[in-house]
Each structure stands twice: as C-alpha cells, then as structure tokens.
C-alpha cells in the first residue's frame, strides 16, 4: 500500500521495508488503534489555527529509522525533511 503511493509521487527509496530504504514506520496495536476527536490548535505562525487529529493505540512513529513519537510523546528529534518528487528533464 505505501509503495504504490511512494511510486505515484516518484519518491525513490520509500514505501517498502528493504535495506537502503528510509525506515518510516508506525507501530500500532490493531486491537486498540483508532481516531480521537479532532481539535483546533493555534500553533502556526501568527497563532493561525489548524485541525489536529490524534489517535489511540499508536506506540511509536519512526522517521528515517529514528523514533519521532513514542507513546504519544515527541522525542525532541526531527529526522525528516520535506520530500518533493523529481521534476522531469523536459519540464526544466
């Protein structure tokens, strides 16, 4: 499922658990995973609002092989970066 999305957006090295690929994972309990009520938070520049959707049953979120969230708490690291798909040579 994730490989198809990574392929559509032309993100090489993502979407599968293979040596050399980015290790982006969510560790969850299928018996307890589920959405919480959405909430509005004001944490954007200028105090602008955004909708936040938390979840239950998620034990860890791992980005590039580094634990980003563990038991609902941010670990203080930022191992990710914004990914953009490749621009075809004809469009440059």
C-alpha atoms as a PDB file:
ATOM      1  CA  UNK A   1       0.000   0.000   0.000  1.00  0.00           C
ATOM      2  CA  UNK A   2       2.724   2.536   0.887  1.00  0.00           C
ATOM      3  CA  UNK A   3       4.932   1.519  -2.034  1.00  0.00           C
ATOM      4  CA  UNK A   4       2.173   2.368  -4.509  1.00  0.00           C
ATOM      5  CA  UNK A   5       1.810   5.884  -3.057  1.00  0.00           C
ATOM      6  CA  UNK A   6       5.599   6.409  -2.997  1.00  0.00           C
ATOM      7  CA  UNK A   7       5.736   5.290  -6.625  1.00  0.00           C
ATOM      8  CA  UNK A   8       2.912   7.616  -7.711  1.00  0.00           C
ATOM      9  CA  UNK A   9       4.708  10.582  -6.115  1.00  0.00           C
ATOM     10  CA  UNK A  10       8.070   9.397  -7.506  1.00  0.00           C
ATOM     11  CA  UNK A  11       9.727   9.087  -4.088  1.00  0.00           C
ATOM     12  CA  UNK A  12      12.538   6.546  -4.557  1.00  0.00           C
ATOM     13  CA  UNK A  13      13.718   4.503  -1.583  1.00  0.00           C
ATOM     14  CA  UNK A  14      10.378   4.759   0.232  1.00  0.00           C
ATOM     15  CA  UNK A  15       7.310   2.626   0.779  1.00  0.00           C
ATOM     16  CA  UNK A  16       8.958  -0.749   1.454  1.00  0.00           C
ATOM     17  CA  UNK A  17      10.999  -2.267   4.273  1.00  0.00           C
ATOM     18  CA  UNK A  18      14.236  -3.019   2.436  1.00  0.00           C
ATOM     19  CA  UNK A  19      17.941  -2.408   3.069  1.00  0.00           C
ATOM     20  CA  UNK A  20      18.870   1.082   1.888  1.00  0.00           C
ATOM     21  CA  UNK A  21      15.284   2.392   2.021  1.00  0.00           C
ATOM     22  CA  UNK A  22      14.130   5.031   4.524  1.00  0.00           C
ATOM     23  CA  UNK A  23      12.631   3.366   7.595  1.00  0.00           C
ATOM     24  CA  UNK A  24       9.359   5.266   8.044  1.00  0.00           C
ATOM     25  CA  UNK A  25       7.068   3.208  10.277  1.00  0.00           C
ATOM     26  CA  UNK A  26       4.078   3.466  12.573  1.00  0.00           C
ATOM     27  CA  UNK A  27       3.945   0.838  15.328  1.00  0.00           C
ATOM     28  CA  UNK A  28       0.371   0.281  16.487  1.00  0.00           C
ATOM     29  CA  UNK A  29      -1.919  -2.208  18.185  1.00  0.00           C
ATOM     30  CA  UNK A  30      -4.646  -3.233  15.701  1.00  0.00           C
ATOM     31  CA  UNK A  31      -6.970  -4.059  18.606  1.00  0.00           C
ATOM     32  CA  UNK A  32      -6.875  -0.520  20.026  1.00  0.00           C
ATOM     33  CA  UNK A  33      -5.896   1.821  17.179  1.00  0.00           C
ATOM     34  CA  UNK A  34      -8.485   4.470  16.405  1.00  0.00           C
ATOM     35  CA  UNK A  35      -9.095   8.186  15.935  1.00  0.00           C
ATOM     36  CA  UNK A  36      -9.634  10.731  18.697  1.00  0.00           C
ATOM     37  CA  UNK A  37     -11.963  13.684  18.290  1.00  0.00           C
ATOM     38  CA  UNK A  38     -10.436  16.356  16.031  1.00  0.00           C
ATOM     39  CA  UNK A  39      -9.330  19.531  17.795  1.00  0.00           C
ATOM     40  CA  UNK A  40      -8.357  23.005  16.667  1.00  0.00           C
ATOM     41  CA  UNK A  41      -4.876  24.144  17.727  1.00  0.00           C
ATOM     42  CA  UNK A  42      -3.290  27.559  17.200  1.00  0.00           C
ATOM     43  CA  UNK A  43       0.365  26.650  16.713  1.00  0.00           C
ATOM     44  CA  UNK A  44       1.051  28.050  13.239  1.00  0.00           C
ATOM     45  CA  UNK A  45       2.874  31.351  12.707  1.00  0.00           C
ATOM     46  CA  UNK A  46       0.737  34.256  13.871  1.00  0.00           C
ATOM     47  CA  UNK A  47      -1.357  31.918  16.026  1.00  0.00           C
ATOM     48  CA  UNK A  48      -3.252  30.706  12.968  1.00  0.00           C
ATOM     49  CA  UNK A  49      -5.485  27.668  13.538  1.00  0.00           C
ATOM     50  CA  UNK A  50      -5.188  24.177  12.131  1.00  0.00           C
ATOM     51  CA  UNK A  51      -7.118  20.959  12.686  1.00  0.00           C
ATOM     52  CA  UNK A  52      -5.274  18.264  14.651  1.00  0.00           C
ATOM     53  CA  UNK A  53      -6.371  14.618  14.586  1.00  0.00           C
ATOM     54  CA  UNK A  54      -4.711  12.428  17.220  1.00  0.00           C
ATOM     55  CA  UNK A  55      -5.104   8.658  17.528  1.00  0.00           C
ATOM     56  CA  UNK A  56      -5.117   5.987  20.223  1.00  0.00           C
ATOM     57  CA  UNK A  57      -3.279   2.668  20.077  1.00  0.00           C
ATOM     58  CA  UNK A  58      -0.166   4.047  18.357  1.00  0.00           C
ATOM     59  CA  UNK A  59       3.012   3.101  20.200  1.00  0.00           C
ATOM     60  CA  UNK A  60       5.661   4.762  18.036  1.00  0.00           C
ATOM     61  CA  UNK A  61       6.235   6.751  14.863  1.00  0.00           C
ATOM     62  CA  UNK A  62       9.639   6.205  13.245  1.00  0.00           C
ATOM     63  CA  UNK A  63      11.021   8.524  10.556  1.00  0.00           C
ATOM     64  CA  UNK A  64      14.238   7.670   8.710  1.00  0.00           C
ATOM     65  CA  UNK A  65      14.921   4.992  11.315  1.00  0.00           C
ATOM     66  CA  UNK A  66      14.681   7.432  14.259  1.00  0.00           C
ATOM     67  CA  UNK A  67      11.849   7.378  16.822  1.00  0.00           C
ATOM     68  CA  UNK A  68       9.903  10.641  16.441  1.00  0.00           C
ATOM     69  CA  UNK A  69       6.948   9.872  18.751  1.00  0.00           C
ATOM     70  CA  UNK A  70       6.848   7.240  21.480  1.00  0.00           C
ATOM     71  CA  UNK A  71       3.662   6.552  23.471  1.00  0.00           C
ATOM     72  CA  UNK A  72       2.171   9.860  22.332  1.00  0.00           C
ATOM     73  CA  UNK A  73       5.161  11.998  23.288  1.00  0.00           C
ATOM     74  CA  UNK A  74       7.508  13.743  20.865  1.00  0.00           C
ATOM     75  CA  UNK A  75      11.109  12.645  21.438  1.00  0.00           C
ATOM     76  CA  UNK A  76      12.582  16.033  20.517  1.00  0.00           C
ATOM     77  CA  UNK A  77      14.240  14.897  17.293  1.00  0.00           C
ATOM     78  CA  UNK A  78      13.406  15.968  13.745  1.00  0.00           C
ATOM     79  CA  UNK A  79      14.867  13.297  11.433  1.00  0.00           C
ATOM     80  CA  UNK A  80      12.604  14.036   8.474  1.00  0.00           C
ATOM     81  CA  UNK A  81      12.658  16.543   5.664  1.00  0.00           C
ATOM     82  CA  UNK A  82      10.184  17.744   3.066  1.00  0.00           C
ATOM     83  CA  UNK A  83      10.181  15.446   0.054  1.00  0.00           C
ATOM     84  CA  UNK A  84       9.419  16.661  -3.416  1.00  0.00           C
ATOM     85  CA  UNK A  85       9.037  14.490  -6.452  1.00  0.00           C
ATOM     86  CA  UNK A  86      11.607  14.729  -9.203  1.00  0.00           C
ATOM     87  CA  UNK A  87      10.954  17.253 -11.980  1.00  0.00           C
ATOM     88  CA  UNK A  88      11.183  15.614 -15.413  1.00  0.00           C
ATOM     89  CA  UNK A  89      14.057  16.977 -17.540  1.00  0.00           C
ATOM     90  CA  UNK A  90      11.585  18.171 -20.197  1.00  0.00           C
ATOM     91  CA  UNK A  91       9.893  20.455 -17.652  1.00  0.00           C
ATOM     92  CA  UNK A  92      13.088  22.191 -16.514  1.00  0.00           C
END
